[in-house]
């Protein structure tokens, strides 16, 4: 369960601690379920247009999010990016 007002994520009554960016990425994927996004698009939407750095930060954040939420089905699209499956 995701509560955008309190910015909390819970499963089976237990709160799952997420960083601000992990939460933002989760909400982003939930808002655009089944739509594929490149790393650059994710960077722009989650970090903002002013982000300067490596696009691999997306991979690192996604790895941490998958570890905390193993049931979350975010697919890797080889050579392109990611999408949240239904």
PDB file of N, CA and C in Angstrom:
ATOM      1  N   UNK A   1       0.834  -1.166   0.000  1.00  0.00           N
ATOM      2  CA  UNK A   1       0.000   0.000   0.000  1.00  0.00           C
ATOM      3  C   UNK A   1       0.890   1.244   0.000  1.00  0.00           C
ATOM      4  N   UNK A   2       0.552   2.182  -0.844  1.00  0.00           N
ATOM      5  CA  UNK A   2       1.313   3.420  -0.970  1.00  0.00           C
ATOM      6  C   UNK A   2       0.398   4.586  -0.606  1.00  0.00           C
ATOM      7  N   UNK A   3       0.815   5.376   0.370  1.00  0.00           N
ATOM      8  CA  UNK A   3       0.069   6.559   0.774  1.00  0.00           C
ATOM      9  C   UNK A   3       0.881   7.781   0.357  1.00  0.00           C
ATOM     10  N   UNK A   4       0.428   8.446  -0.695  1.00  0.00           N
ATOM     11  CA  UNK A   4       1.174   9.591  -1.217  1.00  0.00           C
ATOM     12  C   UNK A   4       1.109  10.796  -0.288  1.00  0.00           C
ATOM     13  N   UNK A   5       0.067  10.908   0.521  1.00  0.00           N
ATOM     14  CA  UNK A   5      -0.056  12.043   1.438  1.00  0.00           C
ATOM     15  C   UNK A   5       0.979  11.977   2.556  1.00  0.00           C
ATOM     16  N   UNK A   6       1.169  10.792   3.118  1.00  0.00           N
ATOM     17  CA  UNK A   6       2.143  10.638   4.209  1.00  0.00           C
ATOM     18  C   UNK A   6       3.498  10.169   3.689  1.00  0.00           C
ATOM     19  N   UNK A   7       3.551   9.841   2.386  1.00  0.00           N
ATOM     20  CA  UNK A   7       4.762   9.328   1.741  1.00  0.00           C
ATOM     21  C   UNK A   7       5.264   8.063   2.447  1.00  0.00           C
ATOM     22  N   UNK A   8       4.307   7.174   2.766  1.00  0.00           N
ATOM     23  CA  UNK A   8       4.636   5.909   3.414  1.00  0.00           C
ATOM     24  C   UNK A   8       4.224   4.741   2.528  1.00  0.00           C
ATOM     25  N   UNK A   9       5.017   3.694   2.613  1.00  0.00           N
ATOM     26  CA  UNK A   9       4.733   2.450   1.918  1.00  0.00           C
ATOM     27  C   UNK A   9       4.653   1.365   2.984  1.00  0.00           C
ATOM     28  N   UNK A  10       3.613   0.549   2.908  1.00  0.00           N
ATOM     29  CA  UNK A  10       3.476  -0.530   3.883  1.00  0.00           C
ATOM     30  C   UNK A  10       3.074  -1.822   3.179  1.00  0.00           C
ATOM     31  N   UNK A  11       3.456  -2.906   3.821  1.00  0.00           N
ATOM     32  CA  UNK A  11       3.084  -4.233   3.329  1.00  0.00           C
ATOM     33  C   UNK A  11       2.784  -5.093   4.539  1.00  0.00           C
ATOM     34  N   UNK A  12       1.618  -5.715   4.530  1.00  0.00           N
ATOM     35  CA  UNK A  12       1.176  -6.560   5.638  1.00  0.00           C
ATOM     36  C   UNK A  12       1.249  -5.815   6.968  1.00  0.00           C
ATOM     37  N   UNK A  13       0.913  -4.520   6.941  1.00  0.00           N
ATOM     38  CA  UNK A  13       0.887  -3.721   8.159  1.00  0.00           C
ATOM     39  C   UNK A  13       2.236  -3.191   8.616  1.00  0.00           C
ATOM     40  N   UNK A  14       3.295  -3.523   7.908  1.00  0.00           N
ATOM     41  CA  UNK A  14       4.629  -3.049   8.296  1.00  0.00           C
ATOM     42  C   UNK A  14       5.078  -1.944   7.349  1.00  0.00           C
ATOM     43  N   UNK A  15       5.612  -0.878   7.913  1.00  0.00           N
ATOM     44  CA  UNK A  15       6.119   0.242   7.127  1.00  0.00           C
ATOM     45  C   UNK A  15       7.445  -0.152   6.487  1.00  0.00           C
ATOM     46  N   UNK A  16       7.586   0.141   5.206  1.00  0.00           N
ATOM     47  CA  UNK A  16       8.830  -0.105   4.478  1.00  0.00           C
ATOM     48  C   UNK A  16       9.500   1.251   4.292  1.00  0.00           C
ATOM     49  N   UNK A  17      10.683   1.379   4.845  1.00  0.00           N
ATOM     50  CA  UNK A  17      11.405   2.643   4.801  1.00  0.00           C
ATOM     51  C   UNK A  17      12.004   2.864   3.411  1.00  0.00           C
ATOM     52  N   UNK A  18      11.608   3.956   2.771  1.00  0.00           N
ATOM     53  CA  UNK A  18      12.140   4.329   1.467  1.00  0.00           C
ATOM     54  C   UNK A  18      12.739   5.723   1.553  1.00  0.00           C
ATOM     55  N   UNK A  19      13.795   5.948   0.788  1.00  0.00           N
ATOM     56  CA  UNK A  19      14.327   7.296   0.679  1.00  0.00           C
ATOM     57  C   UNK A  19      13.349   8.127  -0.148  1.00  0.00           C
ATOM     58  N   UNK A  20      13.567   9.420  -0.161  1.00  0.00           N
ATOM     59  CA  UNK A  20      12.696  10.317  -0.918  1.00  0.00           C
ATOM     60  C   UNK A  20      12.693   9.962  -2.406  1.00  0.00           C
ATOM     61  N   UNK A  21      13.854   9.712  -2.977  1.00  0.00           N
ATOM     62  CA  UNK A  21      13.948   9.377  -4.402  1.00  0.00           C
ATOM     63  C   UNK A  21      13.366   7.996  -4.682  1.00  0.00           C
ATOM     64  N   UNK A  22      13.557   7.039  -3.791  1.00  0.00           N
ATOM     65  CA  UNK A  22      12.949   5.713  -3.968  1.00  0.00           C
ATOM     66  C   UNK A  22      11.429   5.849  -4.010  1.00  0.00           C
ATOM     67  N   UNK A  23      10.880   6.645  -3.098  1.00  0.00           N
ATOM     68  CA  UNK A  23       9.436   6.855  -3.076  1.00  0.00           C
ATOM     69  C   UNK A  23       8.977   7.538  -4.358  1.00  0.00           C
ATOM     70  N   UNK A  24       9.699   8.577  -4.775  1.00  0.00           N
ATOM     71  CA  UNK A  24       9.341   9.298  -6.001  1.00  0.00           C
ATOM     72  C   UNK A  24       9.358   8.378  -7.217  1.00  0.00           C
ATOM     73  N   UNK A  25      10.365   7.505  -7.293  1.00  0.00           N
ATOM     74  CA  UNK A  25      10.448   6.576  -8.424  1.00  0.00           C
ATOM     75  C   UNK A  25       9.294   5.575  -8.387  1.00  0.00           C
ATOM     76  N   UNK A  26       8.971   5.071  -7.213  1.00  0.00           N
ATOM     77  CA  UNK A  26       7.861   4.131  -7.071  1.00  0.00           C
ATOM     78  C   UNK A  26       6.553   4.763  -7.541  1.00  0.00           C
ATOM     79  N   UNK A  27       6.274   5.970  -7.090  1.00  0.00           N
ATOM     80  CA  UNK A  27       5.035   6.661  -7.478  1.00  0.00           C
ATOM     81  C   UNK A  27       5.034   6.927  -8.986  1.00  0.00           C
ATOM     82  N   UNK A  28       6.186   7.319  -9.513  1.00  0.00           N
ATOM     83  CA  UNK A  28       6.299   7.563 -10.952  1.00  0.00           C
ATOM     84  C   UNK A  28       5.910   6.311 -11.744  1.00  0.00           C
ATOM     85  N   UNK A  29       6.499   5.165 -11.389  1.00  0.00           N
ATOM     86  CA  UNK A  29       6.184   3.932 -12.110  1.00  0.00           C
ATOM     87  C   UNK A  29       4.721   3.529 -11.922  1.00  0.00           C
ATOM     88  N   UNK A  30       4.176   3.754 -10.732  1.00  0.00           N
ATOM     89  CA  UNK A  30       2.773   3.410 -10.505  1.00  0.00           C
ATOM     90  C   UNK A  30       1.844   4.307 -11.328  1.00  0.00           C
ATOM     91  N   UNK A  31       2.206   5.570 -11.482  1.00  0.00           N
ATOM     92  CA  UNK A  31       1.388   6.492 -12.265  1.00  0.00           C
ATOM     93  C   UNK A  31       1.397   6.143 -13.751  1.00  0.00           C
ATOM     94  N   UNK A  32       2.486   5.534 -14.206  1.00  0.00           N
ATOM     95  CA  UNK A  32       2.631   5.215 -15.632  1.00  0.00           C
ATOM     96  C   UNK A  32       2.843   3.717 -15.844  1.00  0.00           C
ATOM     97  N   UNK A  33       2.055   2.930 -15.153  1.00  0.00           N
ATOM     98  CA  UNK A  33       2.155   1.474 -15.228  1.00  0.00           C
ATOM     99  C   UNK A  33       2.070   0.990 -16.672  1.00  0.00           C
ATOM    100  N   UNK A  34       2.907   0.047 -17.012  1.00  0.00           N
ATOM    101  CA  UNK A  34       2.981  -0.603 -18.330  1.00  0.00           C
ATOM    102  C   UNK A  34       3.624   0.265 -19.404  1.00  0.00           C
ATOM    103  N   UNK A  35       3.975   1.491 -19.087  1.00  0.00           N
ATOM    104  CA  UNK A  35       4.629   2.354 -20.068  1.00  0.00           C
ATOM    105  C   UNK A  35       6.143   2.255 -19.888  1.00  0.00           C
ATOM    106  N   UNK A  36       6.853   2.108 -20.998  1.00  0.00           N
ATOM    107  CA  UNK A  36       8.313   1.979 -20.964  1.00  0.00           C
ATOM    108  C   UNK A  36       8.963   3.353 -20.957  1.00  0.00           C
ATOM    109  N   UNK A  37      10.031   3.477 -20.159  1.00  0.00           N
ATOM    110  CA  UNK A  37      10.777   4.724 -20.061  1.00  0.00           C
ATOM    111  C   UNK A  37      12.271   4.453 -20.162  1.00  0.00           C
ATOM    112  N   UNK A  38      12.963   5.335 -20.841  1.00  0.00           N
ATOM    113  CA  UNK A  38      14.422   5.251 -20.896  1.00  0.00           C
ATOM    114  C   UNK A  38      14.988   5.804 -19.593  1.00  0.00           C
ATOM    115  N   UNK A  39      16.265   5.537 -19.346  1.00  0.00           N
ATOM    116  CA  UNK A  39      16.916   6.096 -18.163  1.00  0.00           C
ATOM    117  C   UNK A  39      16.832   7.623 -18.167  1.00  0.00           C
ATOM    118  N   UNK A  40      17.033   8.214 -19.328  1.00  0.00           N
ATOM    119  CA  UNK A  40      17.006   9.669 -19.437  1.00  0.00           C
ATOM    120  C   UNK A  40      15.631  10.237 -19.074  1.00  0.00           C
ATOM    121  N   UNK A  41      14.579   9.559 -19.520  1.00  0.00           N
ATOM    122  CA  UNK A  41      13.227  10.012 -19.186  1.00  0.00           C
ATOM    123  C   UNK A  41      12.967   9.893 -17.683  1.00  0.00           C
ATOM    124  N   UNK A  42      13.437   8.809 -17.092  1.00  0.00           N
ATOM    125  CA  UNK A  42      13.263   8.616 -15.647  1.00  0.00           C
ATOM    126  C   UNK A  42      14.035   9.689 -14.886  1.00  0.00           C
ATOM    127  N   UNK A  43      15.260   9.955 -15.313  1.00  0.00           N
ATOM    128  CA  UNK A  43      16.047  11.015 -14.678  1.00  0.00           C
ATOM    129  C   UNK A  43      15.308  12.346 -14.707  1.00  0.00           C
ATOM    130  N   UNK A  44      14.766  12.681 -15.861  1.00  0.00           N
ATOM    131  CA  UNK A  44      14.074  13.953 -16.016  1.00  0.00           C
ATOM    132  C   UNK A  44      12.839  14.031 -15.129  1.00  0.00           C
ATOM    133  N   UNK A  45      12.087  12.932 -15.057  1.00  0.00           N
ATOM    134  CA  UNK A  45      10.829  12.937 -14.299  1.00  0.00           C
ATOM    135  C   UNK A  45      11.045  12.838 -12.784  1.00  0.00           C
ATOM    136  N   UNK A  46      12.047  12.054 -12.356  1.00  0.00           N
ATOM    137  CA  UNK A  46      12.252  11.821 -10.920  1.00  0.00           C
ATOM    138  C   UNK A  46      13.251  12.826 -10.329  1.00  0.00           C
ATOM    139  N   UNK A  47      14.349  13.081 -11.027  1.00  0.00           N
ATOM    140  CA  UNK A  47      15.384  13.980 -10.505  1.00  0.00           C
ATOM    141  C   UNK A  47      15.192  15.423 -10.973  1.00  0.00           C
ATOM    142  N   UNK A  48      14.526  15.600 -12.097  1.00  0.00           N
ATOM    143  CA  UNK A  48      14.310  16.933 -12.632  1.00  0.00           C
ATOM    144  C   UNK A  48      15.276  17.252 -13.755  1.00  0.00           C
ATOM    145  N   UNK A  49      14.955  18.271 -14.503  1.00  0.00           N
ATOM    146  CA  UNK A  49      15.741  18.637 -15.680  1.00  0.00           C
ATOM    147  C   UNK A  49      17.121  19.182 -15.331  1.00  0.00           C
ATOM    148  N   UNK A  50      17.304  19.634 -14.110  1.00  0.00           N
ATOM    149  CA  UNK A  50      18.569  20.243 -13.717  1.00  0.00           C
ATOM    150  C   UNK A  50      19.603  19.240 -13.208  1.00  0.00           C
ATOM    151  N   UNK A  51      19.277  17.950 -13.227  1.00  0.00           N
ATOM    152  CA  UNK A  51      20.209  16.937 -12.715  1.00  0.00           C
ATOM    153  C   UNK A  51      21.417  16.817 -13.640  1.00  0.00           C
ATOM    154  N   UNK A  52      22.590  16.876 -13.039  1.00  0.00           N
ATOM    155  CA  UNK A  52      23.832  16.651 -13.775  1.00  0.00           C
ATOM    156  C   UNK A  52      24.540  15.475 -13.145  1.00  0.00           C
ATOM    157  N   UNK A  53      24.759  14.449 -13.907  1.00  0.00           N
ATOM    158  CA  UNK A  53      25.417  13.254 -13.397  1.00  0.00           C
ATOM    159  C   UNK A  53      25.188  12.103 -14.347  1.00  0.00           C
ATOM    160  N   UNK A  54      25.561  10.953 -13.904  1.00  0.00           N
ATOM    161  CA  UNK A  54      25.489   9.736 -14.694  1.00  0.00           C
ATOM    162  C   UNK A  54      24.075   9.169 -14.657  1.00  0.00           C
ATOM    163  N   UNK A  55      23.586   8.667 -15.799  1.00  0.00           N
ATOM    164  CA  UNK A  55      22.245   8.074 -15.826  1.00  0.00           C
ATOM    165  C   UNK A  55      22.193   6.726 -15.122  1.00  0.00           C
ATOM    166  N   UNK A  56      23.326   6.185 -14.727  1.00  0.00           N
ATOM    167  CA  UNK A  56      23.348   4.904 -14.009  1.00  0.00           C
ATOM    168  C   UNK A  56      22.825   5.025 -12.583  1.00  0.00           C
ATOM    169  N   UNK A  57      22.624   6.259 -12.124  1.00  0.00           N
ATOM    170  CA  UNK A  57      22.007   6.464 -10.820  1.00  0.00           C
ATOM    171  C   UNK A  57      20.611   5.838 -10.804  1.00  0.00           C
ATOM    172  N   UNK A  58      19.966   5.794 -11.963  1.00  0.00           N
ATOM    173  CA  UNK A  58      18.645   5.165 -12.086  1.00  0.00           C
ATOM    174  C   UNK A  58      18.753   3.677 -11.772  1.00  0.00           C
ATOM    175  N   UNK A  59      19.772   3.016 -12.330  1.00  0.00           N
ATOM    176  CA  UNK A  59      19.957   1.580 -12.093  1.00  0.00           C
ATOM    177  C   UNK A  59      20.188   1.288 -10.612  1.00  0.00           C
ATOM    178  N   UNK A  60      21.012   2.125  -9.968  1.00  0.00           N
ATOM    179  CA  UNK A  60      21.322   1.931  -8.558  1.00  0.00           C
ATOM    180  C   UNK A  60      20.080   2.106  -7.695  1.00  0.00           C
ATOM    181  N   UNK A  61      19.315   3.161  -7.962  1.00  0.00           N
ATOM    182  CA  UNK A  61      18.106   3.400  -7.184  1.00  0.00           C
ATOM    183  C   UNK A  61      17.086   2.284  -7.404  1.00  0.00           C
ATOM    184  N   UNK A  62      16.970   1.831  -8.622  1.00  0.00           N
ATOM    185  CA  UNK A  62      16.041   0.750  -8.933  1.00  0.00           C
ATOM    186  C   UNK A  62      16.459  -0.554  -8.251  1.00  0.00           C
ATOM    187  N   UNK A  63      17.748  -0.817  -8.199  1.00  0.00           N
ATOM    188  CA  UNK A  63      18.248  -2.019  -7.511  1.00  0.00           C
ATOM    189  C   UNK A  63      17.852  -1.978  -6.032  1.00  0.00           C
ATOM    190  N   UNK A  64      18.007  -0.819  -5.400  1.00  0.00           N
ATOM    191  CA  UNK A  64      17.631  -0.683  -3.981  1.00  0.00           C
ATOM    192  C   UNK A  64      16.123  -0.817  -3.793  1.00  0.00           C
ATOM    193  N   UNK A  65      15.357  -0.250  -4.709  1.00  0.00           N
ATOM    194  CA  UNK A  65      13.902  -0.340  -4.627  1.00  0.00           C
ATOM    195  C   UNK A  65      13.438  -1.787  -4.783  1.00  0.00           C
ATOM    196  N   UNK A  66      14.028  -2.509  -5.714  1.00  0.00           N
ATOM    197  CA  UNK A  66      13.679  -3.927  -5.909  1.00  0.00           C
ATOM    198  C   UNK A  66      14.032  -4.757  -4.683  1.00  0.00           C
ATOM    199  N   UNK A  67      15.121  -4.418  -4.017  1.00  0.00           N
ATOM    200  CA  UNK A  67      15.531  -5.147  -2.815  1.00  0.00           C
ATOM    201  C   UNK A  67      14.525  -4.921  -1.685  1.00  0.00           C
ATOM    202  N   UNK A  68      14.056  -3.689  -1.542  1.00  0.00           N
ATOM    203  CA  UNK A  68      13.100  -3.375  -0.480  1.00  0.00           C
ATOM    204  C   UNK A  68      11.693  -3.863  -0.795  1.00  0.00           C
ATOM    205  N   UNK A  69      11.354  -3.920  -2.080  1.00  0.00           N
ATOM    206  CA  UNK A  69      10.012  -4.339  -2.521  1.00  0.00           C
ATOM    207  C   UNK A  69      10.143  -5.448  -3.562  1.00  0.00           C
ATOM    208  N   UNK A  70      10.501  -6.664  -3.127  1.00  0.00           N
ATOM    209  CA  UNK A  70      10.769  -7.749  -4.087  1.00  0.00           C
ATOM    210  C   UNK A  70       9.564  -8.154  -4.932  1.00  0.00           C
ATOM    211  N   UNK A  71       8.350  -7.861  -4.486  1.00  0.00           N
ATOM    212  CA  UNK A  71       7.157  -8.213  -5.262  1.00  0.00           C
ATOM    213  C   UNK A  71       6.852  -7.197  -6.355  1.00  0.00           C
ATOM    214  N   UNK A  72       7.560  -6.080  -6.343  1.00  0.00           N
ATOM    215  CA  UNK A  72       7.361  -5.041  -7.348  1.00  0.00           C
ATOM    216  C   UNK A  72       7.942  -5.535  -8.660  1.00  0.00           C
ATOM    217  N   UNK A  73       7.116  -5.567  -9.694  1.00  0.00           N
ATOM    218  CA  UNK A  73       7.544  -6.160 -10.954  1.00  0.00           C
ATOM    219  C   UNK A  73       7.957  -5.079 -11.959  1.00  0.00           C
ATOM    220  N   UNK A  74       9.134  -4.500 -11.728  1.00  0.00           N
ATOM    221  CA  UNK A  74       9.686  -3.536 -12.670  1.00  0.00           C
ATOM    222  C   UNK A  74      10.599  -4.304 -13.614  1.00  0.00           C
ATOM    223  N   UNK A  75      10.233  -4.299 -14.881  1.00  0.00           N
ATOM    224  CA  UNK A  75      10.973  -5.052 -15.892  1.00  0.00           C
ATOM    225  C   UNK A  75      12.091  -4.205 -16.486  1.00  0.00           C
ATOM    226  N   UNK A  76      13.198  -4.856 -16.771  1.00  0.00           N
ATOM    227  CA  UNK A  76      14.279  -4.217 -17.498  1.00  0.00           C
ATOM    228  C   UNK A  76      14.041  -4.443 -18.982  1.00  0.00           C
ATOM    229  N   UNK A  77      14.104  -3.383 -19.754  1.00  0.00           N
ATOM    230  CA  UNK A  77      13.988  -3.479 -21.206  1.00  0.00           C
ATOM    231  C   UNK A  77      15.397  -3.273 -21.745  1.00  0.00           C
ATOM    232  N   UNK A  78      16.014  -4.361 -22.112  1.00  0.00           N
ATOM    233  CA  UNK A  78      17.422  -4.349 -22.503  1.00  0.00           C
ATOM    234  C   UNK A  78      17.695  -3.301 -23.583  1.00  0.00           C
ATOM    235  N   UNK A  79      18.691  -2.485 -23.324  1.00  0.00           N
ATOM    236  CA  UNK A  79      19.088  -1.462 -24.279  1.00  0.00           C
ATOM    237  C   UNK A  79      18.211  -0.225 -24.291  1.00  0.00           C
ATOM    238  N   UNK A  80      17.196  -0.186 -23.410  1.00  0.00           N
ATOM    239  CA  UNK A  80      16.306   0.967 -23.407  1.00  0.00           C
ATOM    240  C   UNK A  80      16.094   1.535 -22.009  1.00  0.00           C
ATOM    241  N   UNK A  81      15.443   0.756 -21.135  1.00  0.00           N
ATOM    242  CA  UNK A  81      15.111   1.280 -19.813  1.00  0.00           C
ATOM    243  C   UNK A  81      14.280   0.312 -19.007  1.00  0.00           C
ATOM    244  N   UNK A  82      13.157   0.818 -18.467  1.00  0.00           N
ATOM    245  CA  UNK A  82      12.359   0.039 -17.527  1.00  0.00           C
ATOM    246  C   UNK A  82      10.873   0.312 -17.698  1.00  0.00           C
ATOM    247  N   UNK A  83      10.052  -0.621 -17.149  1.00  0.00           N
ATOM    248  CA  UNK A  83       8.605  -0.414 -17.055  1.00  0.00           C
ATOM    249  C   UNK A  83       8.072  -1.264 -15.916  1.00  0.00           C
ATOM    250  N   UNK A  84       7.006  -0.789 -15.306  1.00  0.00           N
ATOM    251  CA  UNK A  84       6.308  -1.524 -14.256  1.00  0.00           C
ATOM    252  C   UNK A  84       5.217  -2.344 -14.917  1.00  0.00           C
ATOM    253  N   UNK A  85       5.270  -3.648 -14.733  1.00  0.00           N
ATOM    254  CA  UNK A  85       4.248  -4.537 -15.304  1.00  0.00           C
ATOM    255  C   UNK A  85       2.981  -4.501 -14.476  1.00  0.00           C
ATOM    256  N   UNK A  86       1.922  -4.900 -15.097  1.00  0.00           N
ATOM    257  CA  UNK A  86       0.634  -4.992 -14.386  1.00  0.00           C
ATOM    258  C   UNK A  86       0.616  -6.184 -13.488  1.00  0.00           C
TER     259      UNK A  86
END
